[in-house]
PDB file of N, CA and C in Angstrom:
ATOM      1  N   MET A   1      19.256 -10.230  12.756  1.00  0.00           N
ATOM      2  CA  MET A   1      19.510  -8.768  12.934  1.00  0.00           C
ATOM      3  C   MET A   1      18.317  -7.822  13.657  1.00  0.00           C
ATOM      4  N   LYS A   2      18.353  -6.966  14.558  1.00  0.00           N
ATOM      5  CA  LYS A   2      17.317  -6.790  15.264  1.00  0.00           C
ATOM      6  C   LYS A   2      16.937  -5.299  14.391  1.00  0.00           C
ATOM      7  N   PHE A   3      15.684  -4.837  14.886  1.00  0.00           N
ATOM      8  CA  PHE A   3      14.983  -3.713  14.199  1.00  0.00           C
ATOM      9  C   PHE A   3      13.639  -3.655  14.952  1.00  0.00           C
ATOM     10  N   GLU A   4      12.819  -2.107  14.643  1.00  0.00           N
ATOM     11  CA  GLU A   4      12.064  -1.861  14.802  1.00  0.00           C
ATOM     12  C   GLU A   4      11.407  -0.816  13.538  1.00  0.00           C
ATOM     13  N   THR A   5      10.141  -1.154  13.676  1.00  0.00           N
ATOM     14  CA  THR A   5       9.062  -0.186  12.959  1.00  0.00           C
ATOM     15  C   THR A   5       8.309   0.294  13.285  1.00  0.00           C
ATOM     16  N   SER A   6       7.490   1.413  12.846  1.00  0.00           N
ATOM     17  CA  SER A   6       6.490   2.454  12.834  1.00  0.00           C
ATOM     18  C   SER A   6       5.964   3.407  11.938  1.00  0.00           C
ATOM     19  N   GLY A   7       5.022   4.208  11.889  1.00  0.00           N
ATOM     20  CA  GLY A   7       4.246   4.997  11.451  1.00  0.00           C
ATOM     21  C   GLY A   7       3.950   4.394   9.953  1.00  0.00           C
ATOM     22  N   TRP A   8       3.262   3.086  10.123  1.00  0.00           N
ATOM     23  CA  TRP A   8       3.131   2.403   8.690  1.00  0.00           C
ATOM     24  C   TRP A   8       1.523   3.045   8.424  1.00  0.00           C
ATOM     25  N   ILE A   9       1.630   3.053   6.803  1.00  0.00           N
ATOM     26  CA  ILE A   9      -0.015   3.436   6.458  1.00  0.00           C
ATOM     27  C   ILE A   9       0.442   2.856   5.058  1.00  0.00           C
ATOM     28  N   ALA A  10      -1.024   2.867   4.515  1.00  0.00           N
ATOM     29  CA  ALA A  10      -1.519   1.947   3.544  1.00  0.00           C
ATOM     30  C   ALA A  10      -2.343   3.277   2.932  1.00  0.00           C
ATOM     31  N   GLN A  11      -2.486   3.516   1.388  1.00  0.00           N
ATOM     32  CA  GLN A  11      -3.347   4.028   0.719  1.00  0.00           C
ATOM     33  C   GLN A  11      -3.604   3.680  -0.567  1.00  0.00           C
ATOM     34  N   ILE A  12      -4.891   4.212  -0.723  1.00  0.00           N
ATOM     35  CA  ILE A  12      -5.513   3.871  -2.334  1.00  0.00           C
ATOM     36  C   ILE A  12      -5.373   5.212  -2.377  1.00  0.00           C
ATOM     37  N   ASP A  13      -4.987   5.142  -3.968  1.00  0.00           N
ATOM     38  CA  ASP A  13      -5.085   6.255  -4.502  1.00  0.00           C
ATOM     39  C   ASP A  13      -6.334   6.382  -5.777  1.00  0.00           C
ATOM     40  N   ARG A  14      -7.195   6.748  -5.076  1.00  0.00           N
ATOM     41  CA  ARG A  14      -7.950   6.725  -6.908  1.00  0.00           C
ATOM     42  C   ARG A  14      -8.417   7.707  -7.955  1.00  0.00           C
ATOM     43  N   MET A  15      -7.093   9.023  -7.912  1.00  0.00           N
ATOM     44  CA  MET A  15      -7.132   9.781  -8.591  1.00  0.00           C
ATOM     45  C   MET A  15      -6.991   9.326  -9.971  1.00  0.00           C
ATOM     46  N   THR A  16      -7.777  10.135 -11.023  1.00  0.00           N
ATOM     47  CA  THR A  16      -7.819   9.882 -12.422  1.00  0.00           C
ATOM     48  C   THR A  16      -6.427   9.722 -12.803  1.00  0.00           C
ATOM     49  N   GLY A  17      -5.914   9.038 -13.378  1.00  0.00           N
ATOM     50  CA  GLY A  17      -4.706   8.856 -14.042  1.00  0.00           C
ATOM     51  C   GLY A  17      -3.678   8.434 -13.365  1.00  0.00           C
ATOM     52  N   ALA A  18      -3.483   8.250 -11.580  1.00  0.00           N
ATOM     53  CA  ALA A  18      -2.645   8.019 -10.905  1.00  0.00           C
ATOM     54  C   ALA A  18      -2.820   6.689  -9.557  1.00  0.00           C
ATOM     55  N   ALA A  19      -4.081   5.852 -10.132  1.00  0.00           N
ATOM     56  CA  ALA A  19      -4.550   5.339  -9.490  1.00  0.00           C
ATOM     57  C   ALA A  19      -3.448   4.076  -9.440  1.00  0.00           C
ATOM     58  N   SER A  20      -3.281   4.225  -7.548  1.00  0.00           N
ATOM     59  CA  SER A  20      -1.890   3.347  -7.319  1.00  0.00           C
ATOM     60  C   SER A  20      -2.451   2.435  -5.633  1.00  0.00           C
ATOM     61  N   PHE A  21      -1.835   1.759  -5.160  1.00  0.00           N
ATOM     62  CA  PHE A  21      -1.796   1.492  -3.668  1.00  0.00           C
ATOM     63  C   PHE A  21      -0.502   1.418  -3.248  1.00  0.00           C
ATOM     64  N   ARG A  22      -0.269   2.027  -2.065  1.00  0.00           N
ATOM     65  CA  ARG A  22       0.936   2.373  -1.684  1.00  0.00           C
ATOM     66  C   ARG A  22       1.077   2.183  -0.014  1.00  0.00           C
ATOM     67  N   THR A  23       1.908   1.165   0.548  1.00  0.00           N
ATOM     68  CA  THR A  23       2.295   1.281   2.256  1.00  0.00           C
ATOM     69  C   THR A  23       3.710   1.447   2.117  1.00  0.00           C
ATOM     70  N   TYR A  24       3.590   2.258   3.279  1.00  0.00           N
ATOM     71  CA  TYR A  24       5.087   2.788   3.517  1.00  0.00           C
ATOM     72  C   TYR A  24       5.155   3.048   5.609  1.00  0.00           C
ATOM     73  N   GLY A  25       6.674   3.125   5.521  1.00  0.00           N
ATOM     74  CA  GLY A  25       6.794   3.051   7.142  1.00  0.00           C
ATOM     75  C   GLY A  25       8.080   3.225   7.225  1.00  0.00           C
ATOM     76  N   THR A  26       8.095   3.313   8.400  1.00  0.00           N
ATOM     77  CA  THR A  26       9.884   3.805   9.014  1.00  0.00           C
ATOM     78  C   THR A  26      10.264   2.510   9.643  1.00  0.00           C
ATOM     79  N   VAL A  27      11.390   1.611   9.332  1.00  0.00           N
ATOM     80  CA  VAL A  27      12.242   0.917   9.974  1.00  0.00           C
ATOM     81  C   VAL A  27      13.482   1.344  10.693  1.00  0.00           C
ATOM     82  N   THR A  28      13.956   1.321  12.073  1.00  0.00           N
ATOM     83  CA  THR A  28      14.917   1.757  12.692  1.00  0.00           C
ATOM     84  C   THR A  28      16.216   0.248  12.743  1.00  0.00           C
ATOM     85  N   VAL A  29      17.340   0.664  11.976  1.00  0.00           N
ATOM     86  CA  VAL A  29      17.936  -0.681  12.183  1.00  0.00           C
ATOM     87  C   VAL A  29      19.152  -0.483  12.686  1.00  0.00           C
ATOM     88  N   GLU A  30      20.339  -1.401  13.488  1.00  0.00           N
ATOM     89  CA  GLU A  30      21.375  -1.041  14.585  1.00  0.00           C
ATOM     90  C   GLU A  30      22.811  -0.499  13.368  1.00  0.00           C
ATOM     91  N   ASN A  31      22.546  -0.721  12.458  1.00  0.00           N
ATOM     92  CA  ASN A  31      24.127  -0.493  11.418  1.00  0.00           C
ATOM     93  C   ASN A  31      23.390   0.120   9.921  1.00  0.00           C
ATOM     94  N   SER A  32      23.919   1.920  10.282  1.00  0.00           N
ATOM     95  CA  SER A  32      23.586   2.841   8.645  1.00  0.00           C
ATOM     96  C   SER A  32      23.596   2.342   7.351  1.00  0.00           C
ATOM     97  N   GLY A  33      24.695   0.984   7.181  1.00  0.00           N
ATOM     98  CA  GLY A  33      24.495   0.665   6.217  1.00  0.00           C
ATOM     99  C   GLY A  33      23.397  -0.441   5.971  1.00  0.00           C
ATOM    100  N   VAL A  34      22.514  -0.609   6.302  1.00  0.00           N
ATOM    101  CA  VAL A  34      21.940  -2.029   5.749  1.00  0.00           C
ATOM    102  C   VAL A  34      20.538  -0.916   5.201  1.00  0.00           C
ATOM    103  N   SER A  35      20.123  -1.680   4.026  1.00  0.00           N
ATOM    104  CA  SER A  35      19.001  -0.852   3.469  1.00  0.00           C
ATOM    105  C   SER A  35      17.960  -2.145   3.124  1.00  0.00           C
ATOM    106  N   VAL A  36      16.753  -1.384   3.483  1.00  0.00           N
ATOM    107  CA  VAL A  36      15.420  -2.253   3.479  1.00  0.00           C
ATOM    108  C   VAL A  36      14.547  -1.923   2.309  1.00  0.00           C
ATOM    109  N   LEU A  37      13.418  -3.179   2.411  1.00  0.00           N
ATOM    110  CA  LEU A  37      12.941  -3.222   1.125  1.00  0.00           C
ATOM    111  C   LEU A  37      11.629  -4.053   1.002  1.00  0.00           C
ATOM    112  N   LEU A  38      10.647  -3.427   0.430  1.00  0.00           N
ATOM    113  CA  LEU A  38       9.098  -4.297   0.899  1.00  0.00           C
ATOM    114  C   LEU A  38       8.845  -4.687  -0.075  1.00  0.00           C
ATOM    115  N   THR A  39       8.143  -6.021  -0.642  1.00  0.00           N
ATOM    116  CA  THR A  39       8.433  -6.555  -1.227  1.00  0.00           C
ATOM    117  C   THR A  39       6.467  -7.542  -1.615  1.00  0.00           C
ATOM    118  N   GLU A  40       6.051  -7.685  -2.729  1.00  0.00           N
ATOM    119  CA  GLU A  40       4.868  -8.979  -2.291  1.00  0.00           C
ATOM    120  C   GLU A  40       4.990 -10.113  -2.561  1.00  0.00           C
ATOM    121  N   SER A  41       4.791 -10.596  -1.728  1.00  0.00           N
ATOM    122  CA  SER A  41       5.134 -11.654  -0.750  1.00  0.00           C
ATOM    123  C   SER A  41       4.315 -13.061  -2.243  1.00  0.00           C
ATOM    124  N   PRO A  42       5.084 -13.669  -2.267  1.00  0.00           N
ATOM    125  CA  PRO A  42       4.452 -14.944  -3.666  1.00  0.00           C
ATOM    126  C   PRO A  42       3.186 -15.651  -2.535  1.00  0.00           C
ATOM    127  N   ILE A  43       3.409 -15.746  -1.161  1.00  0.00           N
ATOM    128  CA  ILE A  43       2.382 -16.525  -0.741  1.00  0.00           C
ATOM    129  C   ILE A  43       0.958 -15.396  -0.438  1.00  0.00           C
ATOM    130  N   GLN A  44      -0.123 -15.407  -0.785  1.00  0.00           N
ATOM    131  CA  GLN A  44      -1.286 -14.745  -0.717  1.00  0.00           C
ATOM    132  C   GLN A  44      -2.541 -15.360  -1.136  1.00  0.00           C
ATOM    133  N   ASP A  45      -3.517 -15.573   0.390  1.00  0.00           N
ATOM    134  CA  ASP A  45      -4.549 -16.441   0.484  1.00  0.00           C
ATOM    135  C   ASP A  45      -5.809 -15.108  -0.674  1.00  0.00           C
ATOM    136  N   LYS A  46      -6.999 -15.382  -0.156  1.00  0.00           N
ATOM    137  CA  LYS A  46      -8.055 -15.058  -1.345  1.00  0.00           C
ATOM    138  C   LYS A  46      -8.952 -14.321  -1.514  1.00  0.00           C
ATOM    139  N   SER A  47      -8.193 -13.562  -0.007  1.00  0.00           N
ATOM    140  CA  SER A  47      -9.015 -11.952   0.618  1.00  0.00           C
ATOM    141  C   SER A  47      -8.833 -11.148   0.163  1.00  0.00           C
ATOM    142  N   ASN A  48      -8.687  -9.608   0.341  1.00  0.00           N
ATOM    143  CA  ASN A  48      -8.140  -8.054  -0.076  1.00  0.00           C
ATOM    144  C   ASN A  48      -7.730  -7.864   0.678  1.00  0.00           C
ATOM    145  N   ASN A  49      -6.750  -8.707   1.866  1.00  0.00           N
ATOM    146  CA  ASN A  49      -5.680  -8.822   2.326  1.00  0.00           C
ATOM    147  C   ASN A  49      -4.310  -8.981   1.826  1.00  0.00           C
ATOM    148  N   LEU A  50      -3.221  -7.942   1.972  1.00  0.00           N
ATOM    149  CA  LEU A  50      -2.160  -7.892   0.750  1.00  0.00           C
ATOM    150  C   LEU A  50      -0.753  -8.411   2.036  1.00  0.00           C
ATOM    151  N   ARG A  51      -0.333  -9.236   1.681  1.00  0.00           N
ATOM    152  CA  ARG A  51       0.852 -10.166   2.534  1.00  0.00           C
ATOM    153  C   ARG A  51       2.085  -9.251   1.713  1.00  0.00           C
ATOM    154  N   LEU A  52       3.120  -8.408   2.456  1.00  0.00           N
ATOM    155  CA  LEU A  52       4.139  -7.953   2.216  1.00  0.00           C
ATOM    156  C   LEU A  52       5.178  -8.734   2.831  1.00  0.00           C
ATOM    157  N   GLU A  53       6.884  -8.476   2.280  1.00  0.00           N
ATOM    158  CA  GLU A  53       7.621  -8.964   3.016  1.00  0.00           C
ATOM    159  C   GLU A  53       8.817  -8.246   3.141  1.00  0.00           C
ATOM    160  N   LEU A  54       9.435  -7.909   4.257  1.00  0.00           N
ATOM    161  CA  LEU A  54      10.377  -6.537   4.644  1.00  0.00           C
ATOM    162  C   LEU A  54      11.927  -7.479   4.545  1.00  0.00           C
ATOM    163  N   HIS A  55      12.467  -7.063   3.643  1.00  0.00           N
ATOM    164  CA  HIS A  55      14.193  -7.646   3.725  1.00  0.00           C
ATOM    165  C   HIS A  55      14.651  -6.272   4.590  1.00  0.00           C
ATOM    166  N   LEU A  56      15.517  -7.147   4.548  1.00  0.00           N
ATOM    167  CA  LEU A  56      17.008  -6.306   5.495  1.00  0.00           C
ATOM    168  C   LEU A  56      18.428  -6.506   4.736  1.00  0.00           C
ATOM    169  N   LEU A  57      18.669  -6.000   3.758  1.00  0.00           N
ATOM    170  CA  LEU A  57      19.682  -6.432   3.082  1.00  0.00           C
ATOM    171  C   LEU A  57      21.174  -5.944   3.795  1.00  0.00           C
ATOM    172  N   PRO A  58      21.810  -6.384   4.271  1.00  0.00           N
ATOM    173  CA  PRO A  58      23.016  -5.720   5.316  1.00  0.00           C
ATOM    174  C   PRO A  58      24.379  -5.288   3.751  1.00  0.00           C
ATOM    175  N   SER A  59      25.072  -4.530   4.011  1.00  0.00           N
ATOM    176  CA  SER A  59      25.810  -4.089   3.350  1.00  0.00           C
ATOM    177  C   SER A  59      27.575  -4.642   3.535  1.00  0.00           C
ATOM    178  N   LEU A  60      28.524  -4.605   2.505  1.00  0.00           N
ATOM    179  CA  LEU A  60      29.163  -5.454   2.629  1.00  0.00           C
ATOM    180  C   LEU A  60      30.693  -4.482   3.004  1.00  0.00           C
ATOM    181  N   ASP A  61      30.346  -2.682   2.573  1.00  0.00           N
ATOM    182  CA  ASP A  61      31.011  -1.794   2.765  1.00  0.00           C
ATOM    183  C   ASP A  61      30.970  -1.475   4.556  1.00  0.00           C
ATOM    184  N   PRO A  62      32.031  -0.632   4.633  1.00  0.00           N
ATOM    185  CA  PRO A  62      32.336  -0.510   6.355  1.00  0.00           C
ATOM    186  C   PRO A  62      30.677   0.281   6.739  1.00  0.00           C
ATOM    187  N   SER A  63      30.355   0.480   8.127  1.00  0.00           N
ATOM    188  CA  SER A  63      29.541   1.242   7.805  1.00  0.00           C
ATOM    189  C   SER A  63      28.984   1.784   9.547  1.00  0.00           C
ATOM    190  N   ALA A  64      28.766   3.057   9.730  1.00  0.00           N
ATOM    191  CA  ALA A  64      28.504   2.692  11.182  1.00  0.00           C
ATOM    192  C   ALA A  64      27.642   1.921  12.066  1.00  0.00           C
ATOM    193  N   GLN A  65      27.946   1.622  13.389  1.00  0.00           N
ATOM    194  CA  GLN A  65      26.830   1.004  14.052  1.00  0.00           C
ATOM    195  C   GLN A  65      26.148   1.688  15.017  1.00  0.00           C
ATOM    196  N   VAL A  66      25.119   1.977  14.598  1.00  0.00           N
ATOM    197  CA  VAL A  66      24.074   3.199  14.681  1.00  0.00           C
ATOM    198  C   VAL A  66      22.794   3.274  14.475  1.00  0.00           C
ATOM    199  N   LEU A  67      21.651   3.345  15.405  1.00  0.00           N
ATOM    200  CA  LEU A  67      20.301   3.521  15.157  1.00  0.00           C
ATOM    201  C   LEU A  67      20.327   4.422  13.992  1.00  0.00           C
ATOM    202  N   THR A  68      19.766   3.566  13.138  1.00  0.00           N
ATOM    203  CA  THR A  68      19.489   4.496  12.012  1.00  0.00           C
ATOM    204  C   THR A  68      17.728   4.265  11.385  1.00  0.00           C
ATOM    205  N   ASP A  69      17.096   5.190  11.381  1.00  0.00           N
ATOM    206  CA  ASP A  69      16.055   5.091  10.964  1.00  0.00           C
ATOM    207  C   ASP A  69      15.720   5.535   8.915  1.00  0.00           C
ATOM    208  N   LYS A  70      15.515   4.058   8.204  1.00  0.00           N
ATOM    209  CA  LYS A  70      14.744   4.209   7.130  1.00  0.00           C
ATOM    210  C   LYS A  70      13.756   3.982   6.453  1.00  0.00           C
ATOM    211  N   PHE A  71      13.524   4.892   5.471  1.00  0.00           N
ATOM    212  CA  PHE A  71      11.855   5.067   5.064  1.00  0.00           C
ATOM    213  C   PHE A  71      11.843   3.823   4.130  1.00  0.00           C
ATOM    214  N   VAL A  72      10.759   2.931   3.856  1.00  0.00           N
ATOM    215  CA  VAL A  72      10.470   1.983   2.897  1.00  0.00           C
ATOM    216  C   VAL A  72       9.187   1.911   2.442  1.00  0.00           C
ATOM    217  N   GLU A  73       8.955   1.984   1.143  1.00  0.00           N
ATOM    218  CA  GLU A  73       7.952   2.006   0.648  1.00  0.00           C
ATOM    219  C   GLU A  73       7.426   1.130  -0.687  1.00  0.00           C
ATOM    220  N   TYR A  74       6.280   0.159  -0.539  1.00  0.00           N
ATOM    221  CA  TYR A  74       6.000  -0.592  -1.444  1.00  0.00           C
ATOM    222  C   TYR A  74       4.964  -0.079  -2.564  1.00  0.00           C
ATOM    223  N   LYS A  75       4.688  -0.155  -3.432  1.00  0.00           N
ATOM    224  CA  LYS A  75       3.612   0.589  -5.101  1.00  0.00           C
ATOM    225  C   LYS A  75       3.614  -0.446  -5.886  1.00  0.00           C
ATOM    226  N   LYS A  76       2.283   0.218  -6.178  1.00  0.00           N
ATOM    227  CA  LYS A  76       1.975  -1.097  -6.839  1.00  0.00           C
ATOM    228  C   LYS A  76       0.987   0.293  -7.681  1.00  0.00           C
ATOM    229  N   LEU A  77       1.293   0.060  -9.479  1.00  0.00           N
ATOM    230  CA  LEU A  77      -0.089   1.378  -9.929  1.00  0.00           C
ATOM    231  C   LEU A  77      -1.109   0.279 -10.443  1.00  0.00           C
ATOM    232  N   GLY A  78      -2.103   1.138 -10.487  1.00  0.00           N
ATOM    233  CA  GLY A  78      -3.773   0.374 -10.900  1.00  0.00           C
ATOM    234  C   GLY A  78      -4.498   0.476  -9.434  1.00  0.00           C
ATOM    235  N   ASP A  79      -5.935  -0.193  -9.690  1.00  0.00           N
ATOM    236  CA  ASP A  79      -6.865  -0.035  -9.372  1.00  0.00           C
ATOM    237  C   ASP A  79      -6.850  -0.767  -8.368  1.00  0.00           C
ATOM    238  N   SER A  80      -7.132  -0.380  -7.013  1.00  0.00           N
ATOM    239  CA  SER A  80      -6.614  -1.676  -5.513  1.00  0.00           C
ATOM    240  C   SER A  80      -8.091  -1.683  -5.129  1.00  0.00           C
ATOM    241  N   ASN A  81      -7.927  -3.156  -4.319  1.00  0.00           N
ATOM    242  CA  ASN A  81      -9.266  -3.280  -3.915  1.00  0.00           C
ATOM    243  C   ASN A  81      -8.464  -3.449  -2.039  1.00  0.00           C
ATOM    244  N   VAL A  82      -7.669  -3.809  -1.799  1.00  0.00           N
ATOM    245  CA  VAL A  82      -6.902  -3.941  -0.393  1.00  0.00           C
ATOM    246  C   VAL A  82      -7.594  -3.472   0.676  1.00  0.00           C
ATOM    247  N   THR A  83      -8.122  -4.209   1.489  1.00  0.00           N
ATOM    248  CA  THR A  83      -8.546  -3.490   2.866  1.00  0.00           C
ATOM    249  C   THR A  83      -7.768  -4.111   3.907  1.00  0.00           C
ATOM    250  N   GLY A  84      -6.622  -4.572   3.719  1.00  0.00           N
ATOM    251  CA  GLY A  84      -5.549  -4.538   5.296  1.00  0.00           C
ATOM    252  C   GLY A  84      -4.586  -5.218   4.667  1.00  0.00           C
ATOM    253  N   VAL A  85      -3.056  -4.604   5.146  1.00  0.00           N
ATOM    254  CA  VAL A  85      -1.782  -5.496   5.029  1.00  0.00           C
ATOM    255  C   VAL A  85      -0.841  -6.087   6.189  1.00  0.00           C
ATOM    256  N   SER A  86      -0.363  -6.653   5.880  1.00  0.00           N
ATOM    257  CA  SER A  86      -0.231  -7.523   6.846  1.00  0.00           C
ATOM    258  C   SER A  86       1.424  -7.865   6.425  1.00  0.00           C
ATOM    259  N   ILE A  87       2.566  -7.484   7.135  1.00  0.00           N
ATOM    260  CA  ILE A  87       3.857  -7.752   6.631  1.00  0.00           C
ATOM    261  C   ILE A  87       5.001  -8.177   7.315  1.00  0.00           C
ATOM    262  N   TYR A  88       5.491  -9.424   7.013  1.00  0.00           N
ATOM    263  CA  TYR A  88       6.391 -10.122   7.703  1.00  0.00           C
ATOM    264  C   TYR A  88       8.201 -10.036   7.454  1.00  0.00           C
ATOM    265  N   HIS A  89       8.763 -10.775   7.953  1.00  0.00           N
ATOM    266  CA  HIS A  89      10.548 -10.838   8.336  1.00  0.00           C
ATOM    267  C   HIS A  89      10.561 -12.133   8.395  1.00  0.00           C
ATOM    268  N   ASP A  90      11.189 -12.884   7.525  1.00  0.00           N
ATOM    269  CA  ASP A  90      11.591 -14.524   7.555  1.00  0.00           C
ATOM    270  C   ASP A  90      10.377 -14.782   8.099  1.00  0.00           C
ATOM    271  N   ASP A  91       9.412 -14.926   7.591  1.00  0.00           N
ATOM    272  CA  ASP A  91       8.082 -15.908   7.998  1.00  0.00           C
ATOM    273  C   ASP A  91       7.156 -15.300   9.378  1.00  0.00           C
ATOM    274  N   VAL A  92       7.750 -14.113  10.058  1.00  0.00           N
ATOM    275  CA  VAL A  92       7.066 -13.414  11.009  1.00  0.00           C
ATOM    276  C   VAL A  92       6.624 -12.645  11.477  1.00  0.00           C
ATOM    277  N   LEU A  93       5.656 -12.391  11.608  1.00  0.00           N
ATOM    278  CA  LEU A  93       4.562 -11.130  11.541  1.00  0.00           C
ATOM    279  C   LEU A  93       5.161 -10.097  12.245  1.00  0.00           C
ATOM    280  N   VAL A  94       5.745  -8.815  11.373  1.00  0.00           N
ATOM    281  CA  VAL A  94       5.928  -7.599  11.868  1.00  0.00           C
ATOM    282  C   VAL A  94       5.253  -6.732  12.331  1.00  0.00           C
ATOM    283  N   THR A  95       3.998  -6.717  11.555  1.00  0.00           N
ATOM    284  CA  THR A  95       3.061  -5.858  11.739  1.00  0.00           C
ATOM    285  C   THR A  95       1.446  -5.704  11.019  1.00  0.00           C
ATOM    286  N   THR A  96       0.401  -5.307  11.441  1.00  0.00           N
ATOM    287  CA  THR A  96      -0.916  -5.299  10.293  1.00  0.00           C
ATOM    288  C   THR A  96      -1.353  -3.987  10.227  1.00  0.00           C
ATOM    289  N   ILE A  97      -1.736  -3.738   8.855  1.00  0.00           N
ATOM    290  CA  ILE A  97      -2.170  -2.400   8.942  1.00  0.00           C
ATOM    291  C   ILE A  97      -3.792  -3.028   8.670  1.00  0.00           C
ATOM    292  N   ASP A  98      -4.910  -2.887   8.997  1.00  0.00           N
ATOM    293  CA  ASP A  98      -6.081  -2.510   9.435  1.00  0.00           C
ATOM    294  C   ASP A  98      -7.014  -1.534   8.532  1.00  0.00           C
ATOM    295  N   LYS A  99      -6.562  -0.349   8.744  1.00  0.00           N
ATOM    296  CA  LYS A  99      -7.573   0.644   8.172  1.00  0.00           C
ATOM    297  C   LYS A  99      -6.420   1.025   7.352  1.00  0.00           C
ATOM    298  N   VAL A 100      -7.091   1.668   5.753  1.00  0.00           N
ATOM    299  CA  VAL A 100      -6.480   1.769   4.430  1.00  0.00           C
ATOM    300  C   VAL A 100      -7.099   3.582   4.090  1.00  0.00           C
ATOM    301  N   LEU A 101      -6.231   4.138   4.018  1.00  0.00           N
ATOM    302  CA  LEU A 101      -6.854   5.468   3.750  1.00  0.00           C
ATOM    303  C   LEU A 101      -6.749   5.290   2.101  1.00  0.00           C
ATOM    304  N   ILE A 102      -8.206   6.226   1.783  1.00  0.00           N
ATOM    305  CA  ILE A 102      -8.629   6.242   0.302  1.00  0.00           C
ATOM    306  C   ILE A 102      -8.521   7.459   0.104  1.00  0.00           C
ATOM    307  N   THR A 103      -7.758   7.830  -1.214  1.00  0.00           N
ATOM    308  CA  THR A 103      -7.706   8.724  -1.330  1.00  0.00           C
ATOM    309  C   THR A 103      -8.513   9.611  -3.051  1.00  0.00           C
ATOM    310  N   HIS A 104      -8.968  10.402  -3.301  1.00  0.00           N
ATOM    311  CA  HIS A 104      -9.737  10.642  -4.663  1.00  0.00           C
ATOM    312  C   HIS A 104      -9.203  11.774  -5.018  1.00  0.00           C
TER     313      HIS A 104
END
């Protein structure tokens, strides 16, 4: 299944009571029925770089064959020291995020 991605952001929120890490972006798919999901990969190295997996989940229901933008987000609550993110789909690197936004 073909797709494109854009607008990736990685953010650490250090606000008291709202500490979290999130990564989000847009995935453009060829079918409006496709759902997208970001999950933490079981394969992680010992650095502070986070590896995520992008999943494209086709629908069994009829849907339009039209380019459709889908928002996708991964979020984990708690303190974070992530310094970069690598996003993979079927073990192929889709994108990397080297700048992590930190909010206080």
